Amino acid sequence: MLIRIIDNGMGIKKESHGEVFEMFRTGRGDPGTGLGLAVSRRIVENHSGKITVESEENDGTIFTVKRPARHQESGTGDVNKTK
């Protein structure tokens, strides 16, 4: 599964890419807790996925979430049930 979140905002400096997923980091002095991306990464990784950032300053940002596709065996009549 692949999800991309794209914006055309101010972008993120390359040297800051490694920090965006750290707890209590906020950008541009915005008021906030700095937890959003840290929590997002934890959720994605807890589901065997990975979240990455691509950004150029003044050229927007793309966050990409990748997660392996797998069928669930739920026993509830799931049409994707594997045998």
PDB file of N, CA and C in Angstrom:
ATOM      1  N   MET A   1       0.848  -1.154   0.000  1.00  0.00           N
ATOM      2  CA  MET A   1       0.000   0.000   0.000  1.00  0.00           C
ATOM      3  C   MET A   1       0.904   1.230   0.000  1.00  0.00           C
ATOM      4  N   LEU A   2       0.540   2.207  -0.765  1.00  0.00           N
ATOM      5  CA  LEU A   2       1.310   3.440  -0.854  1.00  0.00           C
ATOM      6  C   LEU A   2       0.354   4.616  -0.725  1.00  0.00           C
ATOM      7  N   ILE A   3       0.688   5.533   0.166  1.00  0.00           N
ATOM      8  CA  ILE A   3      -0.092   6.759   0.345  1.00  0.00           C
ATOM      9  C   ILE A   3       0.878   7.922   0.264  1.00  0.00           C
ATOM     10  N   ARG A   4       0.524   8.925  -0.500  1.00  0.00           N
ATOM     11  CA  ARG A   4       1.341  10.136  -0.581  1.00  0.00           C
ATOM     12  C   ARG A   4       0.497  11.329  -0.151  1.00  0.00           C
ATOM     13  N   ILE A   5       1.080  12.145   0.724  1.00  0.00           N
ATOM     14  CA  ILE A   5       0.455  13.379   1.166  1.00  0.00           C
ATOM     15  C   ILE A   5       1.333  14.491   0.600  1.00  0.00           C
ATOM     16  N   ILE A   6       0.748  15.332  -0.249  1.00  0.00           N
ATOM     17  CA  ILE A   6       1.514  16.332  -0.985  1.00  0.00           C
ATOM     18  C   ILE A   6       0.962  17.718  -0.684  1.00  0.00           C
ATOM     19  N   ASP A   7       1.872  18.668  -0.447  1.00  0.00           N
ATOM     20  CA  ASP A   7       1.439  20.052  -0.339  1.00  0.00           C
ATOM     21  C   ASP A   7       2.362  20.938  -1.156  1.00  0.00           C
ATOM     22  N   ASN A   8       1.925  22.138  -1.406  1.00  0.00           N
ATOM     23  CA  ASN A   8       2.727  23.082  -2.184  1.00  0.00           C
ATOM     24  C   ASN A   8       3.138  24.262  -1.320  1.00  0.00           C
ATOM     25  N   GLY A   9       3.376  23.989  -0.038  1.00  0.00           N
ATOM     26  CA  GLY A   9       3.734  25.029   0.918  1.00  0.00           C
ATOM     27  C   GLY A   9       5.190  25.431   0.843  1.00  0.00           C
ATOM     28  N   MET A  10       5.719  25.881   1.966  1.00  0.00           N
ATOM     29  CA  MET A  10       7.055  26.446   2.052  1.00  0.00           C
ATOM     30  C   MET A  10       8.164  25.409   1.946  1.00  0.00           C
ATOM     31  N   GLY A  11       7.849  24.165   2.096  1.00  0.00           N
ATOM     32  CA  GLY A  11       8.862  23.121   2.030  1.00  0.00           C
ATOM     33  C   GLY A  11       9.695  23.045   3.294  1.00  0.00           C
ATOM     34  N   ILE A  12      10.616  22.095   3.301  1.00  0.00           N
ATOM     35  CA  ILE A  12      11.468  21.846   4.464  1.00  0.00           C
ATOM     36  C   ILE A  12      12.915  21.818   3.981  1.00  0.00           C
ATOM     37  N   LYS A  13      13.785  22.531   4.685  1.00  0.00           N
ATOM     38  CA  LYS A  13      15.202  22.526   4.327  1.00  0.00           C
ATOM     39  C   LYS A  13      15.737  21.105   4.398  1.00  0.00           C
ATOM     40  N   LYS A  14      16.600  20.742   3.444  1.00  0.00           N
ATOM     41  CA  LYS A  14      17.167  19.387   3.405  1.00  0.00           C
ATOM     42  C   LYS A  14      17.825  18.999   4.714  1.00  0.00           C
ATOM     43  N   GLU A  15      18.540  19.928   5.341  1.00  0.00           N
ATOM     44  CA  GLU A  15      19.228  19.611   6.593  1.00  0.00           C
ATOM     45  C   GLU A  15      18.261  19.335   7.744  1.00  0.00           C
ATOM     46  N   SER A  16      16.984  19.659   7.569  1.00  0.00           N
ATOM     47  CA  SER A  16      15.983  19.400   8.607  1.00  0.00           C
ATOM     48  C   SER A  16      15.199  18.113   8.387  1.00  0.00           C
ATOM     49  N   HIS A  17      15.398  17.447   7.262  1.00  0.00           N
ATOM     50  CA  HIS A  17      14.629  16.230   6.956  1.00  0.00           C
ATOM     51  C   HIS A  17      14.779  15.174   8.051  1.00  0.00           C
ATOM     52  N   GLY A  18      15.961  15.027   8.598  1.00  0.00           N
ATOM     53  CA  GLY A  18      16.192  14.015   9.630  1.00  0.00           C
ATOM     54  C   GLY A  18      15.535  14.338  10.955  1.00  0.00           C
ATOM     55  N   GLU A  19      15.083  15.564  11.134  1.00  0.00           N
ATOM     56  CA  GLU A  19      14.503  15.989  12.408  1.00  0.00           C
ATOM     57  C   GLU A  19      12.981  16.025  12.413  1.00  0.00           C
ATOM     58  N   VAL A  20      12.353  15.982  11.257  1.00  0.00           N
ATOM     59  CA  VAL A  20      10.906  16.225  11.208  1.00  0.00           C
ATOM     60  C   VAL A  20      10.085  15.185  11.965  1.00  0.00           C
ATOM     61  N   PHE A  21      10.622  13.987  12.149  1.00  0.00           N
ATOM     62  CA  PHE A  21       9.884  12.936  12.846  1.00  0.00           C
ATOM     63  C   PHE A  21      10.252  12.844  14.324  1.00  0.00           C
ATOM     64  N   GLU A  22      11.085  13.760  14.817  1.00  0.00           N
ATOM     65  CA  GLU A  22      11.462  13.762  16.227  1.00  0.00           C
ATOM     66  C   GLU A  22      10.370  14.427  17.065  1.00  0.00           C
ATOM     67  N   MET A  23      10.187  13.890  18.263  1.00  0.00           N
ATOM     68  CA  MET A  23       9.176  14.457  19.162  1.00  0.00           C
ATOM     69  C   MET A  23       9.553  15.879  19.556  1.00  0.00           C
ATOM     70  N   PHE A  24       8.549  16.709  19.676  1.00  0.00           N
ATOM     71  CA  PHE A  24       8.645  18.099  20.135  1.00  0.00           C
ATOM     72  C   PHE A  24       9.361  19.017  19.151  1.00  0.00           C
ATOM     73  N   ARG A  25       9.479  18.601  17.896  1.00  0.00           N
ATOM     74  CA  ARG A  25      10.033  19.471  16.858  1.00  0.00           C
ATOM     75  C   ARG A  25       8.885  20.174  16.165  1.00  0.00           C
ATOM     76  N   THR A  26       8.987  21.462  16.046  1.00  0.00           N
ATOM     77  CA  THR A  26       7.997  22.218  15.286  1.00  0.00           C
ATOM     78  C   THR A  26       8.737  23.059  14.261  1.00  0.00           C
ATOM     79  N   GLY A  27       8.075  23.352  13.181  1.00  0.00           N
ATOM     80  CA  GLY A  27       8.715  24.121  12.116  1.00  0.00           C
ATOM     81  C   GLY A  27       8.225  25.554  12.083  1.00  0.00           C
ATOM     82  N   ARG A  28       9.069  26.434  11.633  1.00  0.00           N
ATOM     83  CA  ARG A  28       8.728  27.830  11.394  1.00  0.00           C
ATOM     84  C   ARG A  28       8.181  28.547  12.623  1.00  0.00           C
ATOM     85  N   GLY A  29       8.437  28.038  13.824  1.00  0.00           N
ATOM     86  CA  GLY A  29       7.964  28.703  15.023  1.00  0.00           C
ATOM     87  C   GLY A  29       6.464  28.592  15.245  1.00  0.00           C
ATOM     88  N   ASP A  30       5.803  27.710  14.511  1.00  0.00           N
ATOM     89  CA  ASP A  30       4.359  27.532  14.672  1.00  0.00           C
ATOM     90  C   ASP A  30       4.042  27.051  16.076  1.00  0.00           C
ATOM     91  N   PRO A  31       2.930  27.519  16.640  1.00  0.00           N
ATOM     92  CA  PRO A  31       2.533  26.959  17.928  1.00  0.00           C
ATOM     93  C   PRO A  31       2.069  25.521  17.721  1.00  0.00           C
ATOM     94  N   GLY A  32       2.466  24.669  18.570  1.00  0.00           N
ATOM     95  CA  GLY A  32       2.084  23.261  18.468  1.00  0.00           C
ATOM     96  C   GLY A  32       2.947  22.446  19.397  1.00  0.00           C
ATOM     97  N   THR A  33       2.602  21.182  19.507  1.00  0.00           N
ATOM     98  CA  THR A  33       3.331  20.319  20.432  1.00  0.00           C
ATOM     99  C   THR A  33       4.533  19.643  19.791  1.00  0.00           C
ATOM    100  N   GLY A  34       4.546  19.563  18.466  1.00  0.00           N
ATOM    101  CA  GLY A  34       5.631  18.851  17.806  1.00  0.00           C
ATOM    102  C   GLY A  34       5.496  17.346  17.941  1.00  0.00           C
ATOM    103  N   LEU A  35       4.269  16.876  18.067  1.00  0.00           N
ATOM    104  CA  LEU A  35       4.038  15.440  18.228  1.00  0.00           C
ATOM    105  C   LEU A  35       3.441  14.772  16.987  1.00  0.00           C
ATOM    106  N   GLY A  36       2.852  15.546  16.108  1.00  0.00           N
ATOM    107  CA  GLY A  36       2.101  14.980  14.980  1.00  0.00           C
ATOM    108  C   GLY A  36       2.874  13.999  14.129  1.00  0.00           C
ATOM    109  N   LEU A  37       4.030  14.394  13.618  1.00  0.00           N
ATOM    110  CA  LEU A  37       4.792  13.506  12.749  1.00  0.00           C
ATOM    111  C   LEU A  37       5.470  12.392  13.525  1.00  0.00           C
ATOM    112  N   ALA A  38       5.865  12.652  14.776  1.00  0.00           N
ATOM    113  CA  ALA A  38       6.462  11.599  15.606  1.00  0.00           C
ATOM    114  C   ALA A  38       5.435  10.498  15.878  1.00  0.00           C
ATOM    115  N   VAL A  39       4.213  10.898  16.194  1.00  0.00           N
ATOM    116  CA  VAL A  39       3.146   9.923  16.442  1.00  0.00           C
ATOM    117  C   VAL A  39       2.779   9.204  15.143  1.00  0.00           C
ATOM    118  N   SER A  40       2.722   9.941  14.053  1.00  0.00           N
ATOM    119  CA  SER A  40       2.420   9.317  12.753  1.00  0.00           C
ATOM    120  C   SER A  40       3.439   8.248  12.406  1.00  0.00           C
ATOM    121  N   ARG A  41       4.728   8.569  12.609  1.00  0.00           N
ATOM    122  CA  ARG A  41       5.769   7.579  12.316  1.00  0.00           C
ATOM    123  C   ARG A  41       5.605   6.346  13.190  1.00  0.00           C
ATOM    124  N   ARG A  42       5.324   6.541  14.465  1.00  0.00           N
ATOM    125  CA  ARG A  42       5.159   5.399  15.378  1.00  0.00           C
ATOM    126  C   ARG A  42       4.003   4.510  14.922  1.00  0.00           C
ATOM    127  N   ILE A  43       2.890   5.114  14.529  1.00  0.00           N
ATOM    128  CA  ILE A  43       1.729   4.343  14.070  1.00  0.00           C
ATOM    129  C   ILE A  43       2.077   3.556  12.811  1.00  0.00           C
ATOM    130  N   VAL A  44       2.694   4.224  11.851  1.00  0.00           N
ATOM    131  CA  VAL A  44       3.057   3.568  10.592  1.00  0.00           C
ATOM    132  C   VAL A  44       4.019   2.412  10.847  1.00  0.00           C
ATOM    133  N   GLU A  45       5.047   2.648  11.655  1.00  0.00           N
ATOM    134  CA  GLU A  45       6.031   1.596  11.929  1.00  0.00           C
ATOM    135  C   GLU A  45       5.430   0.445  12.721  1.00  0.00           C
ATOM    136  N   ASN A  46       4.475   0.727  13.605  1.00  0.00           N
ATOM    137  CA  ASN A  46       3.804  -0.344  14.352  1.00  0.00           C
ATOM    138  C   ASN A  46       2.948  -1.226  13.448  1.00  0.00           C
ATOM    139  N   HIS A  47       2.681  -0.762  12.234  1.00  0.00           N
ATOM    140  CA  HIS A  47       1.932  -1.547  11.255  1.00  0.00           C
ATOM    141  C   HIS A  47       2.840  -2.000  10.113  1.00  0.00           C
ATOM    142  N   SER A  48       4.119  -2.189  10.427  1.00  0.00           N
ATOM    143  CA  SER A  48       5.121  -2.711   9.487  1.00  0.00           C
ATOM    144  C   SER A  48       5.339  -1.804   8.284  1.00  0.00           C
ATOM    145  N   GLY A  49       5.129  -0.530   8.466  1.00  0.00           N
ATOM    146  CA  GLY A  49       5.304   0.401   7.364  1.00  0.00           C
ATOM    147  C   GLY A  49       6.470   1.345   7.580  1.00  0.00           C
ATOM    148  N   LYS A  50       6.599   2.252   6.636  1.00  0.00           N
ATOM    149  CA  LYS A  50       7.661   3.255   6.694  1.00  0.00           C
ATOM    150  C   LYS A  50       7.098   4.565   6.159  1.00  0.00           C
ATOM    151  N   ILE A  51       7.479   5.672   6.793  1.00  0.00           N
ATOM    152  CA  ILE A  51       7.078   6.993   6.325  1.00  0.00           C
ATOM    153  C   ILE A  51       8.339   7.782   6.012  1.00  0.00           C
ATOM    154  N   THR A  52       8.339   8.447   4.857  1.00  0.00           N
ATOM    155  CA  THR A  52       9.495   9.226   4.445  1.00  0.00           C
ATOM    156  C   THR A  52       9.052  10.624   4.021  1.00  0.00           C
ATOM    157  N   VAL A  53      10.024  11.521   3.956  1.00  0.00           N
ATOM    158  CA  VAL A  53       9.750  12.892   3.540  1.00  0.00           C
ATOM    159  C   VAL A  53      10.644  13.258   2.358  1.00  0.00           C
ATOM    160  N   GLU A  54      10.054  13.944   1.395  1.00  0.00           N
ATOM    161  CA  GLU A  54      10.792  14.543   0.287  1.00  0.00           C
ATOM    162  C   GLU A  54      10.369  15.998   0.253  1.00  0.00           C
ATOM    163  N   SER A  55      11.331  16.904   0.230  1.00  0.00           N
ATOM    164  CA  SER A  55      10.967  18.308   0.241  1.00  0.00           C
ATOM    165  C   SER A  55      12.127  19.167  -0.217  1.00  0.00           C
ATOM    166  N   GLU A  56      11.790  20.241  -0.840  1.00  0.00           N
ATOM    167  CA  GLU A  56      12.741  21.277  -1.207  1.00  0.00           C
ATOM    168  C   GLU A  56      12.198  22.572  -0.612  1.00  0.00           C
ATOM    169  N   GLU A  57      13.080  23.371  -0.056  1.00  0.00           N
ATOM    170  CA  GLU A  57      12.645  24.647   0.497  1.00  0.00           C
ATOM    171  C   GLU A  57      11.981  25.473  -0.602  1.00  0.00           C
ATOM    172  N   ASN A  58      10.851  26.059  -0.290  1.00  0.00           N
ATOM    173  CA  ASN A  58      10.044  26.880  -1.214  1.00  0.00           C
ATOM    174  C   ASN A  58       9.422  26.077  -2.351  1.00  0.00           C
ATOM    175  N   ASP A  59       9.328  24.750  -2.195  1.00  0.00           N
ATOM    176  CA  ASP A  59       8.801  23.935  -3.287  1.00  0.00           C
ATOM    177  C   ASP A  59       7.887  22.812  -2.804  1.00  0.00           C
ATOM    178  N   GLY A  60       7.330  22.923  -1.612  1.00  0.00           N
ATOM    179  CA  GLY A  60       6.387  21.924  -1.145  1.00  0.00           C
ATOM    180  C   GLY A  60       7.032  20.691  -0.553  1.00  0.00           C
ATOM    181  N   THR A  61       6.175  19.788  -0.085  1.00  0.00           N
ATOM    182  CA  THR A  61       6.620  18.594   0.625  1.00  0.00           C
ATOM    183  C   THR A  61       5.773  17.400   0.225  1.00  0.00           C
ATOM    184  N   ILE A  62       6.399  16.227   0.202  1.00  0.00           N
ATOM    185  CA  ILE A  62       5.685  14.973  -0.035  1.00  0.00           C
ATOM    186  C   ILE A  62       6.056  14.016   1.095  1.00  0.00           C
ATOM    187  N   PHE A  63       5.051  13.554   1.824  1.00  0.00           N
ATOM    188  CA  PHE A  63       5.235  12.477   2.787  1.00  0.00           C
ATOM    189  C   PHE A  63       4.699  11.218   2.142  1.00  0.00           C
ATOM    190  N   THR A  64       5.497  10.154   2.182  1.00  0.00           N
ATOM    191  CA  THR A  64       5.098   8.884   1.584  1.00  0.00           C
ATOM    192  C   THR A  64       5.019   7.820   2.669  1.00  0.00           C
ATOM    193  N   VAL A  65       3.883   7.140   2.726  1.00  0.00           N
ATOM    194  CA  VAL A  65       3.682   6.029   3.651  1.00  0.00           C
ATOM    195  C   VAL A  65       3.625   4.760   2.824  1.00  0.00           C
ATOM    196  N   LYS A  66       4.502   3.813   3.148  1.00  0.00           N
ATOM    197  CA  LYS A  66       4.509   2.507   2.476  1.00  0.00           C
ATOM    198  C   LYS A  66       4.248   1.445   3.520  1.00  0.00           C
ATOM    199  N   ARG A  67       3.384   0.515   3.159  1.00  0.00           N
ATOM    200  CA  ARG A  67       3.046  -0.575   4.058  1.00  0.00           C
ATOM    201  C   ARG A  67       2.820  -1.824   3.229  1.00  0.00           C
ATOM    202  N   PRO A  68       3.339  -2.966   3.695  1.00  0.00           N
ATOM    203  CA  PRO A  68       3.112  -4.186   2.923  1.00  0.00           C
ATOM    204  C   PRO A  68       1.626  -4.543   2.891  1.00  0.00           C
ATOM    205  N   ALA A  69       1.182  -4.995   1.745  1.00  0.00           N
ATOM    206  CA  ALA A  69      -0.203  -5.455   1.620  1.00  0.00           C
ATOM    207  C   ALA A  69      -0.275  -6.887   2.115  1.00  0.00           C
ATOM    208  N   ARG A  70      -1.286  -7.180   2.887  1.00  0.00           N
ATOM    209  CA  ARG A  70      -1.478  -8.559   3.334  1.00  0.00           C
ATOM    210  C   ARG A  70      -2.962  -8.795   3.594  1.00  0.00           C
ATOM    211  N   HIS A  71      -3.349 -10.030   3.419  1.00  0.00           N
ATOM    212  CA  HIS A  71      -4.737 -10.405   3.631  1.00  0.00           C
ATOM    213  C   HIS A  71      -4.958 -10.720   5.098  1.00  0.00           C
ATOM    214  N   GLN A  72      -6.139 -10.371   5.574  1.00  0.00           N
ATOM    215  CA  GLN A  72      -6.485 -10.672   6.960  1.00  0.00           C
ATOM    216  C   GLN A  72      -7.331 -11.933   7.006  1.00  0.00           C
ATOM    217  N   GLU A  73      -7.069 -12.763   8.005  1.00  0.00           N
ATOM    218  CA  GLU A  73      -7.925 -13.915   8.244  1.00  0.00           C
ATOM    219  C   GLU A  73      -8.783 -13.576   9.441  1.00  0.00           C
ATOM    220  N   SER A  74      -9.983 -13.093   9.172  1.00  0.00           N
ATOM    221  CA  SER A  74     -10.819 -12.604  10.255  1.00  0.00           C
ATOM    222  C   SER A  74     -11.923 -13.584  10.644  1.00  0.00           C
ATOM    223  N   GLY A  75     -12.266 -14.466   9.738  1.00  0.00           N
ATOM    224  CA  GLY A  75     -13.366 -15.383  10.043  1.00  0.00           C
ATOM    225  C   GLY A  75     -14.723 -14.701  10.017  1.00  0.00           C
ATOM    226  N   THR A  76     -14.795 -13.502   9.463  1.00  0.00           N
ATOM    227  CA  THR A  76     -16.057 -12.737   9.445  1.00  0.00           C
ATOM    228  C   THR A  76     -16.623 -12.604   8.042  1.00  0.00           C
ATOM    229  N   GLY A  77     -16.230 -13.511   7.171  1.00  0.00           N
ATOM    230  CA  GLY A  77     -16.739 -13.435   5.810  1.00  0.00           C
ATOM    231  C   GLY A  77     -15.983 -12.441   4.953  1.00  0.00           C
ATOM    232  N   ASP A  78     -14.798 -12.087   5.356  1.00  0.00           N
ATOM    233  CA  ASP A  78     -13.960 -11.143   4.620  1.00  0.00           C
ATOM    234  C   ASP A  78     -13.699 -11.701   3.225  1.00  0.00           C
ATOM    235  N   VAL A  79     -13.986 -10.922   2.175  1.00  0.00           N
ATOM    236  CA  VAL A  79     -13.786 -11.398   0.815  1.00  0.00           C
ATOM    237  C   VAL A  79     -12.317 -11.567   0.484  1.00  0.00           C
ATOM    238  N   ASN A  80     -11.418 -10.958   1.255  1.00  0.00           N
ATOM    239  CA  ASN A  80      -9.993 -11.113   1.010  1.00  0.00           C
ATOM    240  C   ASN A  80      -9.370 -12.236   1.830  1.00  0.00           C
ATOM    241  N   LYS A  81     -10.180 -13.031   2.449  1.00  0.00           N
ATOM    242  CA  LYS A  81      -9.685 -14.097   3.309  1.00  0.00           C
ATOM    243  C   LYS A  81      -8.851 -15.087   2.497  1.00  0.00           C
ATOM    244  N   THR A  82      -7.691 -15.420   3.034  1.00  0.00           N
ATOM    245  CA  THR A  82      -6.811 -16.375   2.349  1.00  0.00           C
ATOM    246  C   THR A  82      -7.062 -17.774   2.915  1.00  0.00           C
ATOM    247  N   LYS A  83      -6.727 -18.774   2.126  1.00  0.00           N
ATOM    248  CA  LYS A  83      -6.896 -20.162   2.581  1.00  0.00           C
ATOM    249  C   LYS A  83      -5.581 -20.729   2.932  1.00  0.00           C
TER     250      LYS A  83
END
